[in-house]
Amino acid sequence: MPKVKTNSSAKKRFALTGTGKIKRKSAYKSHILTKKTTKQKRNLTHTALVSDGDTGNVKRMLAIGK
């Protein structure tokens, strides 16, 4: 049986924590920043965890066993 390839876009966007949860960055922080307030941009800097409903899809893209 062939090896399962990791999705290249997913490995750039997600990271595993020590407890096995998946970290992600906030969206809307990459461009068109001039019209966003400083407070909004500051709050978008923080990382968050992937929701429970999306965890299975992300793990499949990262080729992580369940």
PDB file of N, CA and C in Angstrom:
ATOM      1  N   MET A   1       0.844  -1.176   0.000  1.00  0.00           N
ATOM      2  CA  MET A   1       0.000   0.000   0.000  1.00  0.00           C
ATOM      3  C   MET A   1       0.892   1.243   0.000  1.00  0.00           C
ATOM      4  N   PRO A   2       0.580   2.247  -0.830  1.00  0.00           N
ATOM      5  CA  PRO A   2       1.466   3.409  -0.915  1.00  0.00           C
ATOM      6  C   PRO A   2       1.347   4.301   0.317  1.00  0.00           C
ATOM      7  N   LYS A   3       2.362   5.124   0.499  1.00  0.00           N
ATOM      8  CA  LYS A   3       2.337   6.080   1.595  1.00  0.00           C
ATOM      9  C   LYS A   3       1.278   7.146   1.315  1.00  0.00           C
ATOM     10  N   VAL A   4       0.705   7.706   2.374  1.00  0.00           N
ATOM     11  CA  VAL A   4      -0.270   8.778   2.238  1.00  0.00           C
ATOM     12  C   VAL A   4       0.483  10.095   2.227  1.00  0.00           C
ATOM     13  N   LYS A   5       0.258  10.906   1.202  1.00  0.00           N
ATOM     14  CA  LYS A   5       0.955  12.179   1.099  1.00  0.00           C
ATOM     15  C   LYS A   5       0.267  13.229   1.965  1.00  0.00           C
ATOM     16  N   THR A   6       1.067  14.070   2.587  1.00  0.00           N
ATOM     17  CA  THR A   6       0.561  15.194   3.351  1.00  0.00           C
ATOM     18  C   THR A   6       0.171  16.305   2.388  1.00  0.00           C
ATOM     19  N   ASN A   7      -0.971  16.950   2.656  1.00  0.00           N
ATOM     20  CA  ASN A   7      -1.398  18.086   1.853  1.00  0.00           C
ATOM     21  C   ASN A   7      -0.432  19.246   2.098  1.00  0.00           C
ATOM     22  N   SER A   8       0.203  19.752   1.021  1.00  0.00           N
ATOM     23  CA  SER A   8       1.251  20.759   1.170  1.00  0.00           C
ATOM     24  C   SER A   8       0.721  22.070   1.722  1.00  0.00           C
ATOM     25  N   SER A   9      -0.497  22.454   1.345  1.00  0.00           N
ATOM     26  CA  SER A   9      -1.039  23.709   1.862  1.00  0.00           C
ATOM     27  C   SER A   9      -1.391  23.582   3.335  1.00  0.00           C
ATOM     28  N   ALA A  10      -1.828  22.395   3.760  1.00  0.00           N
ATOM     29  CA  ALA A  10      -2.210  22.198   5.156  1.00  0.00           C
ATOM     30  C   ALA A  10      -0.996  22.213   6.077  1.00  0.00           C
ATOM     31  N   LYS A  11       0.118  21.645   5.627  1.00  0.00           N
ATOM     32  CA  LYS A  11       1.288  21.604   6.507  1.00  0.00           C
ATOM     33  C   LYS A  11       1.875  22.993   6.722  1.00  0.00           C
ATOM     34  N   LYS A  12       1.587  23.941   5.826  1.00  0.00           N
ATOM     35  CA  LYS A  12       2.038  25.316   6.008  1.00  0.00           C
ATOM     36  C   LYS A  12       1.101  26.104   6.922  1.00  0.00           C
ATOM     37  N   ARG A  13      -0.151  25.663   7.068  1.00  0.00           N
ATOM     38  CA  ARG A  13      -1.158  26.439   7.787  1.00  0.00           C
ATOM     39  C   ARG A  13      -1.433  25.946   9.199  1.00  0.00           C
ATOM     40  N   PHE A  14      -1.151  24.696   9.493  1.00  0.00           N
ATOM     41  CA  PHE A  14      -1.506  24.113  10.779  1.00  0.00           C
ATOM     42  C   PHE A  14      -0.275  23.550  11.461  1.00  0.00           C
ATOM     43  N   ALA A  15      -0.348  23.501  12.800  1.00  0.00           N
ATOM     44  CA  ALA A  15       0.736  22.920  13.588  1.00  0.00           C
ATOM     45  C   ALA A  15       0.127  22.149  14.742  1.00  0.00           C
ATOM     46  N   LEU A  16       0.782  21.066  15.136  1.00  0.00           N
ATOM     47  CA  LEU A  16       0.311  20.266  16.256  1.00  0.00           C
ATOM     48  C   LEU A  16       0.861  20.814  17.561  1.00  0.00           C
ATOM     49  N   THR A  17       0.025  20.817  18.600  1.00  0.00           N
ATOM     50  CA  THR A  17       0.487  21.172  19.933  1.00  0.00           C
ATOM     51  C   THR A  17       1.025  19.921  20.614  1.00  0.00           C
ATOM     52  N   GLY A  18       1.568  20.091  21.790  1.00  0.00           N
ATOM     53  CA  GLY A  18       2.112  18.957  22.526  1.00  0.00           C
ATOM     54  C   GLY A  18       1.047  17.967  22.944  1.00  0.00           C
ATOM     55  N   THR A  19      -0.193  18.450  23.141  1.00  0.00           N
ATOM     56  CA  THR A  19      -1.276  17.564  23.562  1.00  0.00           C
ATOM     57  C   THR A  19      -2.028  16.958  22.387  1.00  0.00           C
ATOM     58  N   GLY A  20      -1.604  17.256  21.154  1.00  0.00           N
ATOM     59  CA  GLY A  20      -2.229  16.659  19.986  1.00  0.00           C
ATOM     60  C   GLY A  20      -3.318  17.492  19.354  1.00  0.00           C
ATOM     61  N   LYS A  21      -3.568  18.697  19.882  1.00  0.00           N
ATOM     62  CA  LYS A  21      -4.547  19.581  19.255  1.00  0.00           C
ATOM     63  C   LYS A  21      -3.888  20.287  18.084  1.00  0.00           C
ATOM     64  N   ILE A  22      -4.695  20.936  17.250  1.00  0.00           N
ATOM     65  CA  ILE A  22      -4.167  21.562  16.043  1.00  0.00           C
ATOM     66  C   ILE A  22      -4.316  23.073  16.151  1.00  0.00           C
ATOM     67  N   LYS A  23      -3.192  23.776  15.991  1.00  0.00           N
ATOM     68  CA  LYS A  23      -3.178  25.235  16.043  1.00  0.00           C
ATOM     69  C   LYS A  23      -3.389  25.793  14.648  1.00  0.00           C
ATOM     70  N   ARG A  24      -3.997  26.999  14.600  1.00  0.00           N
ATOM     71  CA  ARG A  24      -4.164  27.710  13.338  1.00  0.00           C
ATOM     72  C   ARG A  24      -3.987  29.191  13.592  1.00  0.00           C
ATOM     73  N   LYS A  25      -3.712  29.929  12.528  1.00  0.00           N
ATOM     74  CA  LYS A  25      -3.636  31.380  12.627  1.00  0.00           C
ATOM     75  C   LYS A  25      -4.983  31.973  12.259  1.00  0.00           C
ATOM     76  N   SER A  26      -5.216  33.208  12.702  1.00  0.00           N
ATOM     77  CA  SER A  26      -6.458  33.898  12.365  1.00  0.00           C
ATOM     78  C   SER A  26      -6.435  34.332  10.908  1.00  0.00           C
ATOM     79  N   ALA A  27      -7.604  34.331  10.296  1.00  0.00           N
ATOM     80  CA  ALA A  27      -7.740  34.797   8.920  1.00  0.00           C
ATOM     81  C   ALA A  27      -7.827  36.323   8.906  1.00  0.00           C
ATOM     82  N   TYR A  28      -7.830  36.900   7.722  1.00  0.00           N
ATOM     83  CA  TYR A  28      -8.020  38.342   7.498  1.00  0.00           C
ATOM     84  C   TYR A  28      -6.847  39.182   8.001  1.00  0.00           C
ATOM     85  N   LYS A  29      -5.650  38.627   8.018  1.00  0.00           N
ATOM     86  CA  LYS A  29      -4.489  39.385   8.495  1.00  0.00           C
ATOM     87  C   LYS A  29      -3.413  39.481   7.417  1.00  0.00           C
ATOM     88  N   SER A  30      -3.758  39.161   6.148  1.00  0.00           N
ATOM     89  CA  SER A  30      -2.704  39.083   5.144  1.00  0.00           C
ATOM     90  C   SER A  30      -2.638  40.290   4.219  1.00  0.00           C
ATOM     91  N   HIS A  31      -3.766  40.888   3.885  1.00  0.00           N
ATOM     92  CA  HIS A  31      -3.733  42.052   2.990  1.00  0.00           C
ATOM     93  C   HIS A  31      -4.963  42.911   3.254  1.00  0.00           C
ATOM     94  N   ILE A  32      -5.015  44.066   2.601  1.00  0.00           N
ATOM     95  CA  ILE A  32      -6.037  45.102   2.818  1.00  0.00           C
ATOM     96  C   ILE A  32      -6.063  45.469   4.306  1.00  0.00           C
ATOM     97  N   LEU A  33      -4.885  45.803   4.835  1.00  0.00           N
ATOM     98  CA  LEU A  33      -4.775  46.109   6.255  1.00  0.00           C
ATOM     99  C   LEU A  33      -4.974  47.590   6.558  1.00  0.00           C
ATOM    100  N   THR A  34      -4.995  48.444   5.529  1.00  0.00           N
ATOM    101  CA  THR A  34      -5.088  49.880   5.787  1.00  0.00           C
ATOM    102  C   THR A  34      -6.458  50.271   6.327  1.00  0.00           C
ATOM    103  N   LYS A  35      -7.500  49.575   5.930  1.00  0.00           N
ATOM    104  CA  LYS A  35      -8.840  49.932   6.402  1.00  0.00           C
ATOM    105  C   LYS A  35      -9.221  49.254   7.717  1.00  0.00           C
ATOM    106  N   LYS A  36      -8.359  48.374   8.221  1.00  0.00           N
ATOM    107  CA  LYS A  36      -8.630  47.709   9.490  1.00  0.00           C
ATOM    108  C   LYS A  36      -8.000  48.517  10.621  1.00  0.00           C
ATOM    109  N   THR A  37      -8.694  48.564  11.745  1.00  0.00           N
ATOM    110  CA  THR A  37      -8.177  49.328  12.876  1.00  0.00           C
ATOM    111  C   THR A  37      -6.993  48.594  13.509  1.00  0.00           C
ATOM    112  N   THR A  38      -6.208  49.350  14.262  1.00  0.00           N
ATOM    113  CA  THR A  38      -5.058  48.756  14.941  1.00  0.00           C
ATOM    114  C   THR A  38      -5.501  47.681  15.919  1.00  0.00           C
ATOM    115  N   LYS A  39      -6.605  47.931  16.602  1.00  0.00           N
ATOM    116  CA  LYS A  39      -7.121  46.955  17.565  1.00  0.00           C
ATOM    117  C   LYS A  39      -7.526  45.666  16.862  1.00  0.00           C
ATOM    118  N   GLN A  40      -8.171  45.782  15.694  1.00  0.00           N
ATOM    119  CA  GLN A  40      -8.594  44.589  14.962  1.00  0.00           C
ATOM    120  C   GLN A  40      -7.385  43.784  14.502  1.00  0.00           C
ATOM    121  N   LYS A  41      -6.366  44.490  13.981  1.00  0.00           N
ATOM    122  CA  LYS A  41      -5.172  43.779  13.523  1.00  0.00           C
ATOM    123  C   LYS A  41      -4.434  43.122  14.689  1.00  0.00           C
ATOM    124  N   ARG A  42      -4.401  43.777  15.832  1.00  0.00           N
ATOM    125  CA  ARG A  42      -3.740  43.218  17.009  1.00  0.00           C
ATOM    126  C   ARG A  42      -4.459  41.955  17.486  1.00  0.00           C
ATOM    127  N   ASN A  43      -5.782  41.987  17.481  1.00  0.00           N
ATOM    128  CA  ASN A  43      -6.541  40.825  17.923  1.00  0.00           C
ATOM    129  C   ASN A  43      -6.451  39.667  16.936  1.00  0.00           C
ATOM    130  N   LEU A  44      -6.181  39.936  15.674  1.00  0.00           N
ATOM    131  CA  LEU A  44      -6.033  38.874  14.676  1.00  0.00           C
ATOM    132  C   LEU A  44      -4.660  38.209  14.733  1.00  0.00           C
ATOM    133  N   THR A  45      -3.754  38.758  15.538  1.00  0.00           N
ATOM    134  CA  THR A  45      -2.408  38.213  15.625  1.00  0.00           C
ATOM    135  C   THR A  45      -2.379  36.872  16.356  1.00  0.00           C
ATOM    136  N   HIS A  46      -3.316  36.674  17.286  1.00  0.00           N
ATOM    137  CA  HIS A  46      -3.271  35.495  18.147  1.00  0.00           C
ATOM    138  C   HIS A  46      -3.625  34.217  17.384  1.00  0.00           C
ATOM    139  N   THR A  47      -3.090  33.114  17.868  1.00  0.00           N
ATOM    140  CA  THR A  47      -3.416  31.824  17.290  1.00  0.00           C
ATOM    141  C   THR A  47      -4.628  31.243  18.005  1.00  0.00           C
ATOM    142  N   ALA A  48      -5.270  30.304  17.366  1.00  0.00           N
ATOM    143  CA  ALA A  48      -6.442  29.646  17.933  1.00  0.00           C
ATOM    144  C   ALA A  48      -6.333  28.158  17.637  1.00  0.00           C
ATOM    145  N   LEU A  49      -7.242  27.396  18.190  1.00  0.00           N
ATOM    146  CA  LEU A  49      -7.290  25.960  17.925  1.00  0.00           C
ATOM    147  C   LEU A  49      -8.353  25.671  16.881  1.00  0.00           C
ATOM    148  N   VAL A  50      -8.126  24.654  16.085  1.00  0.00           N
ATOM    149  CA  VAL A  50      -9.106  24.230  15.081  1.00  0.00           C
ATOM    150  C   VAL A  50     -10.324  23.664  15.810  1.00  0.00           C
ATOM    151  N   SER A  51     -11.514  24.002  15.343  1.00  0.00           N
ATOM    152  CA  SER A  51     -12.737  23.554  16.002  1.00  0.00           C
ATOM    153  C   SER A  51     -12.885  22.039  15.877  1.00  0.00           C
ATOM    154  N   ASP A  52     -13.708  21.484  16.756  1.00  0.00           N
ATOM    155  CA  ASP A  52     -13.892  20.037  16.783  1.00  0.00           C
ATOM    156  C   ASP A  52     -14.465  19.505  15.473  1.00  0.00           C
ATOM    157  N   GLY A  53     -15.345  20.279  14.841  1.00  0.00           N
ATOM    158  CA  GLY A  53     -15.952  19.828  13.601  1.00  0.00           C
ATOM    159  C   GLY A  53     -14.979  19.749  12.441  1.00  0.00           C
ATOM    160  N   ASP A  54     -13.921  20.562  12.477  1.00  0.00           N
ATOM    161  CA  ASP A  54     -12.945  20.585  11.389  1.00  0.00           C
ATOM    162  C   ASP A  54     -11.707  19.740  11.675  1.00  0.00           C
ATOM    163  N   THR A  55     -11.576  19.245  12.876  1.00  0.00           N
ATOM    164  CA  THR A  55     -10.359  18.531  13.258  1.00  0.00           C
ATOM    165  C   THR A  55     -10.134  17.289  12.407  1.00  0.00           C
ATOM    166  N   GLY A  56     -11.190  16.554  12.115  1.00  0.00           N
ATOM    167  CA  GLY A  56     -11.041  15.343  11.317  1.00  0.00           C
ATOM    168  C   GLY A  56     -10.531  15.617   9.922  1.00  0.00           C
ATOM    169  N   ASN A  57     -11.069  16.659   9.285  1.00  0.00           N
ATOM    170  CA  ASN A  57     -10.612  17.006   7.936  1.00  0.00           C
ATOM    171  C   ASN A  57      -9.154  17.446   7.940  1.00  0.00           C
ATOM    172  N   VAL A  58      -8.769  18.233   8.934  1.00  0.00           N
ATOM    173  CA  VAL A  58      -7.393  18.718   8.995  1.00  0.00           C
ATOM    174  C   VAL A  58      -6.439  17.559   9.257  1.00  0.00           C
ATOM    175  N   LYS A  59      -6.822  16.649  10.152  1.00  0.00           N
ATOM    176  CA  LYS A  59      -5.967  15.494  10.425  1.00  0.00           C
ATOM    177  C   LYS A  59      -5.805  14.632   9.180  1.00  0.00           C
ATOM    178  N   ARG A  60      -6.864  14.509   8.390  1.00  0.00           N
ATOM    179  CA  ARG A  60      -6.764  13.729   7.157  1.00  0.00           C
ATOM    180  C   ARG A  60      -5.798  14.400   6.181  1.00  0.00           C
ATOM    181  N   MET A  61      -5.853  15.744   6.095  1.00  0.00           N
ATOM    182  CA  MET A  61      -4.943  16.453   5.197  1.00  0.00           C
ATOM    183  C   MET A  61      -3.503  16.368   5.668  1.00  0.00           C
ATOM    184  N   LEU A  62      -3.304  16.308   6.989  1.00  0.00           N
ATOM    185  CA  LEU A  62      -1.947  16.210   7.532  1.00  0.00           C
ATOM    186  C   LEU A  62      -1.481  14.771   7.636  1.00  0.00           C
ATOM    187  N   ALA A  63      -2.312  13.814   7.249  1.00  0.00           N
ATOM    188  CA  ALA A  63      -1.998  12.377   7.281  1.00  0.00           C
ATOM    189  C   ALA A  63      -1.654  11.927   8.685  1.00  0.00           C
ATOM    190  N   ILE A  64      -2.455  12.390   9.664  1.00  0.00           N
ATOM    191  CA  ILE A  64      -2.272  11.990  11.047  1.00  0.00           C
ATOM    192  C   ILE A  64      -3.309  10.917  11.352  1.00  0.00           C
ATOM    193  N   GLY A  65      -2.866   9.833  11.932  1.00  0.00           N
ATOM    194  CA  GLY A  65      -3.806   8.766  12.308  1.00  0.00           C
ATOM    195  C   GLY A  65      -4.733   9.215  13.404  1.00  0.00           C
ATOM    196  N   LYS A  66      -5.984   8.724  13.364  1.00  0.00           N
ATOM    197  CA  LYS A  66      -6.956   9.140  14.378  1.00  0.00           C
ATOM    198  C   LYS A  66      -6.893   8.303  15.618  1.00  0.00           C
TER     199      LYS A  66
END
